[in-house]
Amino acid sequence: MRNKMETKTTILEPLIERIEAYGNTTVELAKLKTVEKTADFSSTLISRSLLIIAISAFALMLNVAIALWFGEMLGKNYYGFFIMALLDAIVVLIVYIIHPSIKSGINNSIIKQLLN
C-alpha cells in the first residue's frame, strides 16, 4: 500500500508545481499589465495637461490683446476688458450647456484606454 501512496504523491508533485508556476506567472502578467496601463494612462494625462496649460496661456494672452485692441478702438481700455469678459461668459455658458456630452466623451476615452 505504501508504494501506491508514494507513486500517487510523486505523480501529483510535478502537477502541483506546474499549477503553482502557472499561478505565479498569471499574477506576474497581471502586475505587468497593470503597470503598462498605469504608465500609458499617466503619460497621456500628463501630456494632455501640458497641452491644456499651453492652450490656456495662449487664450489668456489672446484675450488680453483683443481686450486692449477693443479698448483702444473705444477710447477706454476697460471697455475692451468688459467686452472680452462678456465674450468669455458666453463661451463658458456654451461649454456649460454641452458639458454632459464632453463628460461622457472623456469617460469613454478613459475606459477605452484602460481596457485596451
PDB file of N, CA and C in Angstrom:
ATOM      1  N   MET A   1       0.784  -1.188   0.000  1.00  0.00           N
ATOM      2  CA  MET A   1       0.000   0.000   0.000  1.00  0.00           C
ATOM      3  C   MET A   1       0.833   1.263   0.000  1.00  0.00           C
ATOM      4  N   ARG A   2       1.915   1.147   0.649  1.00  0.00           N
ATOM      5  CA  ARG A   2       2.774   2.307   0.752  1.00  0.00           C
ATOM      6  C   ARG A   2       3.324   2.699  -0.614  1.00  0.00           C
ATOM      7  N   ASN A   3       3.610   1.758  -1.457  1.00  0.00           N
ATOM      8  CA  ASN A   3       4.126   2.053  -2.788  1.00  0.00           C
ATOM      9  C   ASN A   3       3.107   2.813  -3.634  1.00  0.00           C
ATOM     10  N   LYS A   4       1.825   2.455  -3.475  1.00  0.00           N
ATOM     11  CA  LYS A   4       0.789   3.160  -4.221  1.00  0.00           C
ATOM     12  C   LYS A   4       0.694   4.613  -3.765  1.00  0.00           C
ATOM     13  N   MET A   5       0.791   4.861  -2.460  1.00  0.00           N
ATOM     14  CA  MET A   5       0.735   6.217  -1.919  1.00  0.00           C
ATOM     15  C   MET A   5       1.922   7.040  -2.386  1.00  0.00           C
ATOM     16  N   GLU A   6       3.097   6.432  -2.368  1.00  0.00           N
ATOM     17  CA  GLU A   6       4.295   7.134  -2.812  1.00  0.00           C
ATOM     18  C   GLU A   6       4.211   7.439  -4.304  1.00  0.00           C
ATOM     19  N   THR A   7       3.654   6.529  -5.082  1.00  0.00           N
ATOM     20  CA  THR A   7       3.506   6.727  -6.513  1.00  0.00           C
ATOM     21  C   THR A   7       2.540   7.878  -6.797  1.00  0.00           C
ATOM     22  N   LYS A   8       1.408   7.902  -6.068  1.00  0.00           N
ATOM     23  CA  LYS A   8       0.443   8.984  -6.245  1.00  0.00           C
ATOM     24  C   LYS A   8       1.065  10.327  -5.863  1.00  0.00           C
ATOM     25  N   THR A   9       1.825  10.353  -4.786  1.00  0.00           N
ATOM     26  CA  THR A   9       2.477  11.573  -4.329  1.00  0.00           C
ATOM     27  C   THR A   9       3.494  12.048  -5.356  1.00  0.00           C
ATOM     28  N   THR A  10       4.277  11.134  -5.887  1.00  0.00           N
ATOM     29  CA  THR A  10       5.287  11.535  -6.865  1.00  0.00           C
ATOM     30  C   THR A  10       4.655  11.964  -8.182  1.00  0.00           C
ATOM     31  N   ILE A  11       3.501  11.436  -8.516  1.00  0.00           N
ATOM     32  CA  ILE A  11       2.800  11.853  -9.736  1.00  0.00           C
ATOM     33  C   ILE A  11       2.174  13.235  -9.539  1.00  0.00           C
ATOM     34  N   LEU A  12       1.660  13.510  -8.362  1.00  0.00           N
ATOM     35  CA  LEU A  12       0.986  14.785  -8.091  1.00  0.00           C
ATOM     36  C   LEU A  12       1.957  15.950  -7.892  1.00  0.00           C
ATOM     37  N   GLU A  13       3.154  15.686  -7.402  1.00  0.00           N
ATOM     38  CA  GLU A  13       4.110  16.762  -7.132  1.00  0.00           C
ATOM     39  C   GLU A  13       4.428  17.606  -8.365  1.00  0.00           C
ATOM     40  N   PRO A  14       4.749  17.013  -9.517  1.00  0.00           N
ATOM     41  CA  PRO A  14       5.003  17.846 -10.702  1.00  0.00           C
ATOM     42  C   PRO A  14       3.773  18.641 -11.133  1.00  0.00           C
ATOM     43  N   LEU A  15       2.601  18.040 -10.966  1.00  0.00           N
ATOM     44  CA  LEU A  15       1.368  18.732 -11.329  1.00  0.00           C
ATOM     45  C   LEU A  15       1.146  19.941 -10.421  1.00  0.00           C
ATOM     46  N   ILE A  16       1.355  19.751  -9.130  1.00  0.00           N
ATOM     47  CA  ILE A  16       1.205  20.851  -8.179  1.00  0.00           C
ATOM     48  C   ILE A  16       2.231  21.949  -8.460  1.00  0.00           C
ATOM     49  N   GLU A  17       3.453  21.569  -8.782  1.00  0.00           N
ATOM     50  CA  GLU A  17       4.487  22.559  -9.109  1.00  0.00           C
ATOM     51  C   GLU A  17       4.105  23.350 -10.350  1.00  0.00           C
ATOM     52  N   ARG A  18       3.535  22.681 -11.355  1.00  0.00           N
ATOM     53  CA  ARG A  18       3.111  23.374 -12.574  1.00  0.00           C
ATOM     54  C   ARG A  18       1.959  24.333 -12.288  1.00  0.00           C
ATOM     55  N   ILE A  19       1.042  23.908 -11.432  1.00  0.00           N
ATOM     56  CA  ILE A  19      -0.080  24.776 -11.065  1.00  0.00           C
ATOM     57  C   ILE A  19       0.430  26.010 -10.337  1.00  0.00           C
ATOM     58  N   GLU A  20       1.370  25.830  -9.426  1.00  0.00           N
ATOM     59  CA  GLU A  20       1.964  26.969  -8.713  1.00  0.00           C
ATOM     60  C   GLU A  20       2.688  27.896  -9.671  1.00  0.00           C
ATOM     61  N   ALA A  21       3.441  27.323 -10.591  1.00  0.00           N
ATOM     62  CA  ALA A  21       4.167  28.141 -11.576  1.00  0.00           C
ATOM     63  C   ALA A  21       3.187  28.905 -12.453  1.00  0.00           C
ATOM     64  N   TYR A  22       2.096  28.249 -12.860  1.00  0.00           N
ATOM     65  CA  TYR A  22       1.071  28.920 -13.673  1.00  0.00           C
ATOM     66  C   TYR A  22       0.444  30.068 -12.892  1.00  0.00           C
ATOM     67  N   GLY A  23       0.131  29.823 -11.625  1.00  0.00           N
ATOM     68  CA  GLY A  23      -0.441  30.872 -10.771  1.00  0.00           C
ATOM     69  C   GLY A  23       0.503  32.049 -10.626  1.00  0.00           C
ATOM     70  N   ASN A  24       1.778  31.768 -10.380  1.00  0.00           N
ATOM     71  CA  ASN A  24       2.776  32.837 -10.243  1.00  0.00           C
ATOM     72  C   ASN A  24       2.920  33.620 -11.543  1.00  0.00           C
ATOM     73  N   THR A  25       2.920  32.908 -12.665  1.00  0.00           N
ATOM     74  CA  THR A  25       3.039  33.566 -13.963  1.00  0.00           C
ATOM     75  C   THR A  25       1.828  34.446 -14.242  1.00  0.00           C
ATOM     76  N   THR A  26       0.650  33.955 -13.903  1.00  0.00           N
ATOM     77  CA  THR A  26      -0.574  34.728 -14.103  1.00  0.00           C
ATOM     78  C   THR A  26      -0.562  35.997 -13.260  1.00  0.00           C
ATOM     79  N   VAL A  27      -0.143  35.896 -12.021  1.00  0.00           N
ATOM     80  CA  VAL A  27      -0.064  37.072 -11.141  1.00  0.00           C
ATOM     81  C   VAL A  27       0.954  38.072 -11.693  1.00  0.00           C
ATOM     82  N   GLU A  28       2.088  37.590 -12.132  1.00  0.00           N
ATOM     83  CA  GLU A  28       3.132  38.457 -12.681  1.00  0.00           C
ATOM     84  C   GLU A  28       2.636  39.160 -13.947  1.00  0.00           C
ATOM     85  N   LEU A  29       1.925  38.429 -14.798  1.00  0.00           N
ATOM     86  CA  LEU A  29       1.362  39.018 -16.017  1.00  0.00           C
ATOM     87  C   LEU A  29       0.355  40.103 -15.671  1.00  0.00           C
ATOM     88  N   ALA A  30      -0.488  39.867 -14.680  1.00  0.00           N
ATOM     89  CA  ALA A  30      -1.467  40.865 -14.250  1.00  0.00           C
ATOM     90  C   ALA A  30      -0.770  42.117 -13.736  1.00  0.00           C
ATOM     91  N   LYS A  31       0.318  41.928 -12.972  1.00  0.00           N
ATOM     92  CA  LYS A  31       1.093  43.070 -12.470  1.00  0.00           C
ATOM     93  C   LYS A  31       1.672  43.875 -13.624  1.00  0.00           C
ATOM     94  N   LEU A  32       2.254  43.185 -14.598  1.00  0.00           N
ATOM     95  CA  LEU A  32       2.865  43.874 -15.734  1.00  0.00           C
ATOM     96  C   LEU A  32       1.825  44.619 -16.574  1.00  0.00           C
ATOM     97  N   LYS A  33       0.655  44.015 -16.757  1.00  0.00           N
ATOM     98  CA  LYS A  33      -0.416  44.698 -17.497  1.00  0.00           C
ATOM     99  C   LYS A  33      -0.883  45.932 -16.744  1.00  0.00           C
ATOM    100  N   THR A  34      -0.973  45.833 -15.429  1.00  0.00           N
ATOM    101  CA  THR A  34      -1.378  46.977 -14.612  1.00  0.00           C
ATOM    102  C   THR A  34      -0.360  48.105 -14.717  1.00  0.00           C
ATOM    103  N   VAL A  35       0.906  47.751 -14.653  1.00  0.00           N
ATOM    104  CA  VAL A  35       1.964  48.756 -14.783  1.00  0.00           C
ATOM    105  C   VAL A  35       1.898  49.422 -16.156  1.00  0.00           C
ATOM    106  N   GLU A  36       1.685  48.624 -17.203  1.00  0.00           N
ATOM    107  CA  GLU A  36       1.604  49.171 -18.553  1.00  0.00           C
ATOM    108  C   GLU A  36       0.429  50.130 -18.686  1.00  0.00           C
ATOM    109  N   LYS A  37      -0.742  49.729 -18.194  1.00  0.00           N
ATOM    110  CA  LYS A  37      -1.931  50.586 -18.277  1.00  0.00           C
ATOM    111  C   LYS A  37      -1.739  51.863 -17.470  1.00  0.00           C
ATOM    112  N   THR A  38      -1.154  51.741 -16.290  1.00  0.00           N
ATOM    113  CA  THR A  38      -0.924  52.909 -15.442  1.00  0.00           C
ATOM    114  C   THR A  38       0.045  53.876 -16.109  1.00  0.00           C
ATOM    115  N   ALA A  39       1.116  53.352 -16.674  1.00  0.00           N
ATOM    116  CA  ALA A  39       2.095  54.210 -17.346  1.00  0.00           C
ATOM    117  C   ALA A  39       1.480  54.886 -18.566  1.00  0.00           C
ATOM    118  N   ASP A  40       0.712  54.139 -19.336  1.00  0.00           N
ATOM    119  CA  ASP A  40       0.071  54.704 -20.526  1.00  0.00           C
ATOM    120  C   ASP A  40      -0.923  55.784 -20.126  1.00  0.00           C
ATOM    121  N   PHE A  41      -1.749  55.508 -19.124  1.00  0.00           N
ATOM    122  CA  PHE A  41      -2.738  56.476 -18.666  1.00  0.00           C
ATOM    123  C   PHE A  41      -2.061  57.721 -18.108  1.00  0.00           C
ATOM    124  N   SER A  42      -1.032  57.531 -17.295  1.00  0.00           N
ATOM    125  CA  SER A  42      -0.318  58.659 -16.689  1.00  0.00           C
ATOM    126  C   SER A  42       0.355  59.531 -17.741  1.00  0.00           C
ATOM    127  N   SER A  43       1.007  58.900 -18.708  1.00  0.00           N
ATOM    128  CA  SER A  43       1.688  59.686 -19.740  1.00  0.00           C
ATOM    129  C   SER A  43       0.686  60.461 -20.594  1.00  0.00           C
ATOM    130  N   THR A  44      -0.457  59.850 -20.874  1.00  0.00           N
ATOM    131  CA  THR A  44      -1.499  60.554 -21.622  1.00  0.00           C
ATOM    132  C   THR A  44      -2.029  61.729 -20.811  1.00  0.00           C
ATOM    133  N   LEU A  45      -2.281  61.501 -19.535  1.00  0.00           N
ATOM    134  CA  LEU A  45      -2.795  62.556 -18.665  1.00  0.00           C
ATOM    135  C   LEU A  45      -1.816  63.723 -18.564  1.00  0.00           C
ATOM    136  N   ILE A  46      -0.546  63.427 -18.387  1.00  0.00           N
ATOM    137  CA  ILE A  46       0.460  64.488 -18.253  1.00  0.00           C
ATOM    138  C   ILE A  46       0.618  65.255 -19.561  1.00  0.00           C
ATOM    139  N   SER A  47       0.693  64.541 -20.688  1.00  0.00           N
ATOM    140  CA  SER A  47       0.885  65.244 -21.961  1.00  0.00           C
ATOM    141  C   SER A  47      -0.329  66.102 -22.306  1.00  0.00           C
ATOM    142  N   ARG A  48      -1.525  65.598 -22.025  1.00  0.00           N
ATOM    143  CA  ARG A  48      -2.729  66.404 -22.298  1.00  0.00           C
ATOM    144  C   ARG A  48      -2.822  67.583 -21.341  1.00  0.00           C
ATOM    145  N   SER A  49      -2.389  67.403 -20.113  1.00  0.00           N
ATOM    146  CA  SER A  49      -2.384  68.514 -19.160  1.00  0.00           C
ATOM    147  C   SER A  49      -1.447  69.621 -19.625  1.00  0.00           C
ATOM    148  N   LEU A  50      -0.278  69.238 -20.121  1.00  0.00           N
ATOM    149  CA  LEU A  50       0.657  70.238 -20.636  1.00  0.00           C
ATOM    150  C   LEU A  50       0.067  70.958 -21.846  1.00  0.00           C
ATOM    151  N   LEU A  51      -0.622  70.238 -22.687  1.00  0.00           N
ATOM    152  CA  LEU A  51      -1.272  70.840 -23.841  1.00  0.00           C
ATOM    153  C   LEU A  51      -2.348  71.825 -23.397  1.00  0.00           C
ATOM    154  N   ILE A  52      -3.136  71.449 -22.409  1.00  0.00           N
ATOM    155  CA  ILE A  52      -4.181  72.342 -21.895  1.00  0.00           C
ATOM    156  C   ILE A  52      -3.570  73.600 -21.283  1.00  0.00           C
ATOM    157  N   ILE A  53      -2.466  73.459 -20.571  1.00  0.00           N
ATOM    158  CA  ILE A  53      -1.791  74.629 -19.989  1.00  0.00           C
ATOM    159  C   ILE A  53      -1.305  75.556 -21.089  1.00  0.00           C
ATOM    160  N   ALA A  54      -0.715  74.995 -22.146  1.00  0.00           N
ATOM    161  CA  ALA A  54      -0.222  75.817 -23.253  1.00  0.00           C
ATOM    162  C   ALA A  54      -1.377  76.527 -23.964  1.00  0.00           C
ATOM    163  N   ILE A  55      -2.457  75.822 -24.206  1.00  0.00           N
ATOM    164  CA  ILE A  55      -3.619  76.437 -24.862  1.00  0.00           C
ATOM    165  C   ILE A  55      -4.220  77.523 -23.975  1.00  0.00           C
ATOM    166  N   SER A  56      -4.272  77.272 -22.660  1.00  0.00           N
ATOM    167  CA  SER A  56      -4.810  78.268 -21.727  1.00  0.00           C
ATOM    168  C   SER A  56      -3.956  79.535 -21.720  1.00  0.00           C
ATOM    169  N   ALA A  57      -2.642  79.376 -21.712  1.00  0.00           N
ATOM    170  CA  ALA A  57      -1.750  80.538 -21.740  1.00  0.00           C
ATOM    171  C   ALA A  57      -1.954  81.329 -23.035  1.00  0.00           C
ATOM    172  N   PHE A  58      -2.055  80.619 -24.159  1.00  0.00           N
ATOM    173  CA  PHE A  58      -2.302  81.283 -25.438  1.00  0.00           C
ATOM    174  C   PHE A  58      -3.630  82.025 -25.416  1.00  0.00           C
ATOM    175  N   ALA A  59      -4.689  81.378 -24.910  1.00  0.00           N
ATOM    176  CA  ALA A  59      -6.005  82.010 -24.863  1.00  0.00           C
ATOM    177  C   ALA A  59      -6.001  83.236 -23.964  1.00  0.00           C
ATOM    178  N   LEU A  60      -5.302  83.166 -22.853  1.00  0.00           N
ATOM    179  CA  LEU A  60      -5.221  84.308 -21.945  1.00  0.00           C
ATOM    180  C   LEU A  60      -4.531  85.496 -22.623  1.00  0.00           C
ATOM    181  N   MET A  61      -3.408  85.235 -23.260  1.00  0.00           N
ATOM    182  CA  MET A  61      -2.689  86.313 -23.942  1.00  0.00           C
ATOM    183  C   MET A  61      -3.520  86.898 -25.093  1.00  0.00           C
ATOM    184  N   LEU A  62      -4.204  86.032 -25.812  1.00  0.00           N
ATOM    185  CA  LEU A  62      -5.061  86.491 -26.903  1.00  0.00           C
ATOM    186  C   LEU A  62      -6.211  87.336 -26.360  1.00  0.00           C
ATOM    187  N   ASN A  63      -6.803  86.921 -25.248  1.00  0.00           N
ATOM    188  CA  ASN A  63      -7.877  87.700 -24.621  1.00  0.00           C
ATOM    189  C   ASN A  63      -7.391  89.088 -24.225  1.00  0.00           C
ATOM    190  N   VAL A  64      -6.233  89.151 -23.598  1.00  0.00           N
ATOM    191  CA  VAL A  64      -5.692  90.447 -23.169  1.00  0.00           C
ATOM    192  C   VAL A  64      -5.409  91.330 -24.387  1.00  0.00           C
ATOM    193  N   ALA A  65      -4.818  90.751 -25.417  1.00  0.00           N
ATOM    194  CA  ALA A  65      -4.502  91.526 -26.618  1.00  0.00           C
ATOM    195  C   ALA A  65      -5.774  92.053 -27.281  1.00  0.00           C
ATOM    196  N   ILE A  66      -6.783  91.220 -27.404  1.00  0.00           N
ATOM    197  CA  ILE A  66      -8.044  91.665 -28.027  1.00  0.00           C
ATOM    198  C   ILE A  66      -8.727  92.708 -27.140  1.00  0.00           C
ATOM    199  N   ALA A  67      -8.688  92.517 -25.824  1.00  0.00           N
ATOM    200  CA  ALA A  67      -9.287  93.496 -24.913  1.00  0.00           C
ATOM    201  C   ALA A  67      -8.602  94.851 -25.051  1.00  0.00           C
ATOM    202  N   LEU A  68      -7.281  94.864 -25.132  1.00  0.00           N
ATOM    203  CA  LEU A  68      -6.560  96.135 -25.308  1.00  0.00           C
ATOM    204  C   LEU A  68      -6.887  96.759 -26.656  1.00  0.00           C
ATOM    205  N   TRP A  69      -7.014  95.928 -27.669  1.00  0.00           N
ATOM    206  CA  TRP A  69      -7.345  96.432 -29.004  1.00  0.00           C
ATOM    207  C   TRP A  69      -8.744  97.064 -29.013  1.00  0.00           C
ATOM    208  N   PHE A  70      -9.738  96.337 -28.437  1.00  0.00           N
ATOM    209  CA  PHE A  70     -11.083  96.909 -28.329  1.00  0.00           C
ATOM    210  C   PHE A  70     -11.067  98.192 -27.509  1.00  0.00           C
ATOM    211  N   GLY A  71     -10.319  98.183 -26.413  1.00  0.00           N
ATOM    212  CA  GLY A  71     -10.224  99.363 -25.552  1.00  0.00           C
ATOM    213  C   GLY A  71      -9.655 100.550 -26.292  1.00  0.00           C
ATOM    214  N   GLU A  72      -8.641 100.289 -27.111  1.00  0.00           N
ATOM    215  CA  GLU A  72      -8.042 101.380 -27.898  1.00  0.00           C
ATOM    216  C   GLU A  72      -9.048 101.928 -28.912  1.00  0.00           C
ATOM    217  N   MET A  73      -9.815 101.031 -29.534  1.00  0.00           N
ATOM    218  CA  MET A  73     -10.810 101.454 -30.521  1.00  0.00           C
ATOM    219  C   MET A  73     -11.943 102.242 -29.862  1.00  0.00           C
ATOM    220  N   LEU A  74     -12.295 101.878 -28.622  1.00  0.00           N
ATOM    221  CA  LEU A  74     -13.415 102.529 -27.939  1.00  0.00           C
ATOM    222  C   LEU A  74     -12.980 103.713 -27.072  1.00  0.00           C
ATOM    223  N   GLY A  75     -11.692 103.898 -26.918  1.00  0.00           N
ATOM    224  CA  GLY A  75     -11.191 105.056 -26.179  1.00  0.00           C
ATOM    225  C   GLY A  75     -10.907 104.794 -24.711  1.00  0.00           C
ATOM    226  N   LYS A  76     -11.356 103.713 -24.146  1.00  0.00           N
ATOM    227  CA  LYS A  76     -11.103 103.363 -22.738  1.00  0.00           C
ATOM    228  C   LYS A  76     -10.731 101.883 -22.673  1.00  0.00           C
ATOM    229  N   ASN A  77      -9.592 101.593 -22.070  1.00  0.00           N
ATOM    230  CA  ASN A  77      -9.128 100.204 -22.018  1.00  0.00           C
ATOM    231  C   ASN A  77     -10.114  99.275 -21.320  1.00  0.00           C
ATOM    232  N   TYR A  78     -10.742  99.754 -20.261  1.00  0.00           N
ATOM    233  CA  TYR A  78     -11.629  98.857 -19.523  1.00  0.00           C
ATOM    234  C   TYR A  78     -12.862  98.463 -20.336  1.00  0.00           C
ATOM    235  N   TYR A  79     -13.243  99.250 -21.347  1.00  0.00           N
ATOM    236  CA  TYR A  79     -14.336  98.832 -22.233  1.00  0.00           C
ATOM    237  C   TYR A  79     -13.956  97.534 -22.964  1.00  0.00           C
ATOM    238  N   GLY A  80     -12.749  97.470 -23.414  1.00  0.00           N
ATOM    239  CA  GLY A  80     -12.285  96.267 -24.103  1.00  0.00           C
ATOM    240  C   GLY A  80     -12.308  95.048 -23.193  1.00  0.00           C
ATOM    241  N   PHE A  81     -11.919  95.239 -21.938  1.00  0.00           N
ATOM    242  CA  PHE A  81     -11.944  94.123 -20.994  1.00  0.00           C
ATOM    243  C   PHE A  81     -13.371  93.706 -20.661  1.00  0.00           C
ATOM    244  N   PHE A  82     -14.293  94.677 -20.594  1.00  0.00           N
ATOM    245  CA  PHE A  82     -15.700  94.326 -20.394  1.00  0.00           C
ATOM    246  C   PHE A  82     -16.235  93.499 -21.563  1.00  0.00           C
ATOM    247  N   ILE A  83     -15.910  93.911 -22.764  1.00  0.00           N
ATOM    248  CA  ILE A  83     -16.364  93.173 -23.954  1.00  0.00           C
ATOM    249  C   ILE A  83     -15.804  91.753 -23.939  1.00  0.00           C
ATOM    250  N   MET A  84     -14.516  91.611 -23.654  1.00  0.00           N
ATOM    251  CA  MET A  84     -13.908  90.280 -23.626  1.00  0.00           C
ATOM    252  C   MET A  84     -14.484  89.431 -22.495  1.00  0.00           C
ATOM    253  N   ALA A  85     -14.791  90.045 -21.359  1.00  0.00           N
ATOM    254  CA  ALA A  85     -15.411  89.304 -20.254  1.00  0.00           C
ATOM    255  C   ALA A  85     -16.784  88.803 -20.682  1.00  0.00           C
ATOM    256  N   LEU A  86     -17.527  89.621 -21.411  1.00  0.00           N
ATOM    257  CA  LEU A  86     -18.831  89.193 -21.907  1.00  0.00           C
ATOM    258  C   LEU A  86     -18.681  88.031 -22.900  1.00  0.00           C
ATOM    259  N   LEU A  87     -17.725  88.130 -23.812  1.00  0.00           N
ATOM    260  CA  LEU A  87     -17.490  87.044 -24.769  1.00  0.00           C
ATOM    261  C   LEU A  87     -17.050  85.764 -24.051  1.00  0.00           C
ATOM    262  N   ASP A  88     -16.199  85.900 -23.041  1.00  0.00           N
ATOM    263  CA  ASP A  88     -15.771  84.730 -22.259  1.00  0.00           C
ATOM    264  C   ASP A  88     -16.946  84.109 -21.507  1.00  0.00           C
ATOM    265  N   ALA A  89     -17.853  84.953 -20.991  1.00  0.00           N
ATOM    266  CA  ALA A  89     -19.031  84.438 -20.292  1.00  0.00           C
ATOM    267  C   ALA A  89     -19.922  83.650 -21.257  1.00  0.00           C
ATOM    268  N   ILE A  90     -20.029  84.104 -22.489  1.00  0.00           N
ATOM    269  CA  ILE A  90     -20.815  83.376 -23.492  1.00  0.00           C
ATOM    270  C   ILE A  90     -20.175  82.021 -23.777  1.00  0.00           C
ATOM    271  N   VAL A  91     -18.852  81.994 -23.906  1.00  0.00           N
ATOM    272  CA  VAL A  91     -18.145  80.724 -24.138  1.00  0.00           C
ATOM    273  C   VAL A  91     -18.353  79.781 -22.956  1.00  0.00           C
ATOM    274  N   VAL A  92     -18.273  80.294 -21.731  1.00  0.00           N
ATOM    275  CA  VAL A  92     -18.487  79.467 -20.537  1.00  0.00           C
ATOM    276  C   VAL A  92     -19.908  78.911 -20.532  1.00  0.00           C
ATOM    277  N   LEU A  93     -20.880  79.713 -20.907  1.00  0.00           N
ATOM    278  CA  LEU A  93     -22.268  79.259 -20.957  1.00  0.00           C
ATOM    279  C   LEU A  93     -22.443  78.137 -21.984  1.00  0.00           C
ATOM    280  N   ILE A  94     -21.824  78.289 -23.133  1.00  0.00           N
ATOM    281  CA  ILE A  94     -21.900  77.249 -24.170  1.00  0.00           C
ATOM    282  C   ILE A  94     -21.260  75.958 -23.674  1.00  0.00           C
ATOM    283  N   VAL A  95     -20.096  76.064 -23.044  1.00  0.00           N
ATOM    284  CA  VAL A  95     -19.416  74.873 -22.511  1.00  0.00           C
ATOM    285  C   VAL A  95     -20.256  74.230 -21.415  1.00  0.00           C
ATOM    286  N   TYR A  96     -20.893  75.040 -20.586  1.00  0.00           N
ATOM    287  CA  TYR A  96     -21.753  74.507 -19.523  1.00  0.00           C
ATOM    288  C   TYR A  96     -22.929  73.722 -20.114  1.00  0.00           C
ATOM    289  N   ILE A  97     -23.482  74.225 -21.196  1.00  0.00           N
ATOM    290  CA  ILE A  97     -24.623  73.567 -21.830  1.00  0.00           C
ATOM    291  C   ILE A  97     -24.215  72.225 -22.440  1.00  0.00           C
ATOM    292  N   ILE A  98     -23.031  72.171 -23.073  1.00  0.00           N
ATOM    293  CA  ILE A  98     -22.607  70.925 -23.722  1.00  0.00           C
ATOM    294  C   ILE A  98     -21.753  70.049 -22.800  1.00  0.00           C
ATOM    295  N   HIS A  99     -21.663  70.425 -21.536  1.00  0.00           N
ATOM    296  CA  HIS A  99     -20.847  69.692 -20.559  1.00  0.00           C
ATOM    297  C   HIS A  99     -21.153  68.198 -20.493  1.00  0.00           C
ATOM    298  N   PRO A 100     -22.421  67.762 -20.474  1.00  0.00           N
ATOM    299  CA  PRO A 100     -22.681  66.315 -20.384  1.00  0.00           C
ATOM    300  C   PRO A 100     -22.069  65.513 -21.532  1.00  0.00           C
ATOM    301  N   SER A 101     -22.121  66.036 -22.736  1.00  0.00           N
ATOM    302  CA  SER A 101     -21.540  65.284 -23.857  1.00  0.00           C
ATOM    303  C   SER A 101     -20.012  65.285 -23.782  1.00  0.00           C
ATOM    304  N   ILE A 102     -19.431  66.362 -23.280  1.00  0.00           N
ATOM    305  CA  ILE A 102     -17.974  66.404 -23.099  1.00  0.00           C
ATOM    306  C   ILE A 102     -17.564  65.380 -22.041  1.00  0.00           C
ATOM    307  N   LYS A 103     -18.319  65.353 -20.936  1.00  0.00           N
ATOM    308  CA  LYS A 103     -18.007  64.436 -19.841  1.00  0.00           C
ATOM    309  C   LYS A 103     -18.103  62.984 -20.299  1.00  0.00           C
ATOM    310  N   SER A 104     -19.168  62.639 -21.026  1.00  0.00           N
ATOM    311  CA  SER A 104     -19.317  61.249 -21.469  1.00  0.00           C
ATOM    312  C   SER A 104     -18.219  60.878 -22.469  1.00  0.00           C
ATOM    313  N   GLY A 105     -17.800  61.822 -23.296  1.00  0.00           N
ATOM    314  CA  GLY A 105     -16.701  61.553 -24.222  1.00  0.00           C
ATOM    315  C   GLY A 105     -15.396  61.272 -23.495  1.00  0.00           C
ATOM    316  N   ILE A 106     -15.142  62.048 -22.457  1.00  0.00           N
ATOM    317  CA  ILE A 106     -13.922  61.845 -21.666  1.00  0.00           C
ATOM    318  C   ILE A 106     -14.000  60.505 -20.929  1.00  0.00           C
ATOM    319  N   ASN A 107     -15.168  60.204 -20.345  1.00  0.00           N
ATOM    320  CA  ASN A 107     -15.337  58.912 -19.655  1.00  0.00           C
ATOM    321  C   ASN A 107     -15.081  57.755 -20.615  1.00  0.00           C
ATOM    322  N   ASN A 108     -15.668  57.821 -21.794  1.00  0.00           N
ATOM    323  CA  ASN A 108     -15.499  56.748 -22.771  1.00  0.00           C
ATOM    324  C   ASN A 108     -14.037  56.621 -23.186  1.00  0.00           C
ATOM    325  N   SER A 109     -13.352  57.737 -23.328  1.00  0.00           N
ATOM    326  CA  SER A 109     -11.935  57.707 -23.715  1.00  0.00           C
ATOM    327  C   SER A 109     -11.094  57.043 -22.627  1.00  0.00           C
ATOM    328  N   ILE A 110     -11.359  57.377 -21.375  1.00  0.00           N
ATOM    329  CA  ILE A 110     -10.605  56.792 -20.257  1.00  0.00           C
ATOM    330  C   ILE A 110     -10.875  55.296 -20.171  1.00  0.00           C
ATOM    331  N   ILE A 111     -12.130  54.897 -20.282  1.00  0.00           N
ATOM    332  CA  ILE A 111     -12.485  53.482 -20.195  1.00  0.00           C
ATOM    333  C   ILE A 111     -11.838  52.706 -21.347  1.00  0.00           C
ATOM    334  N   LYS A 112     -11.902  53.264 -22.552  1.00  0.00           N
ATOM    335  CA  LYS A 112     -11.305  52.590 -23.711  1.00  0.00           C
ATOM    336  C   LYS A 112      -9.806  52.429 -23.529  1.00  0.00           C
ATOM    337  N   GLN A 113      -9.157  53.477 -23.007  1.00  0.00           N
ATOM    338  CA  GLN A 113      -7.710  53.420 -22.820  1.00  0.00           C
ATOM    339  C   GLN A 113      -7.331  52.389 -21.752  1.00  0.00           C
ATOM    340  N   LEU A 114      -8.112  52.300 -20.689  1.00  0.00           N
ATOM    341  CA  LEU A 114      -7.793  51.353 -19.615  1.00  0.00           C
ATOM    342  C   LEU A 114      -8.093  49.907 -20.000  1.00  0.00           C
ATOM    343  N   LEU A 115      -9.085  49.694 -20.862  1.00  0.00           N
ATOM    344  CA  LEU A 115      -9.458  48.325 -21.206  1.00  0.00           C
ATOM    345  C   LEU A 115      -8.709  47.783 -22.427  1.00  0.00           C
ATOM    346  N   ASN A 116      -8.093  48.631 -23.201  1.00  0.00           N
ATOM    347  CA  ASN A 116      -7.340  48.143 -24.384  1.00  0.00           C
ATOM    348  C   ASN A 116      -5.966  47.713 -23.998  1.00  0.00           C
TER     349      ASN A 116
END
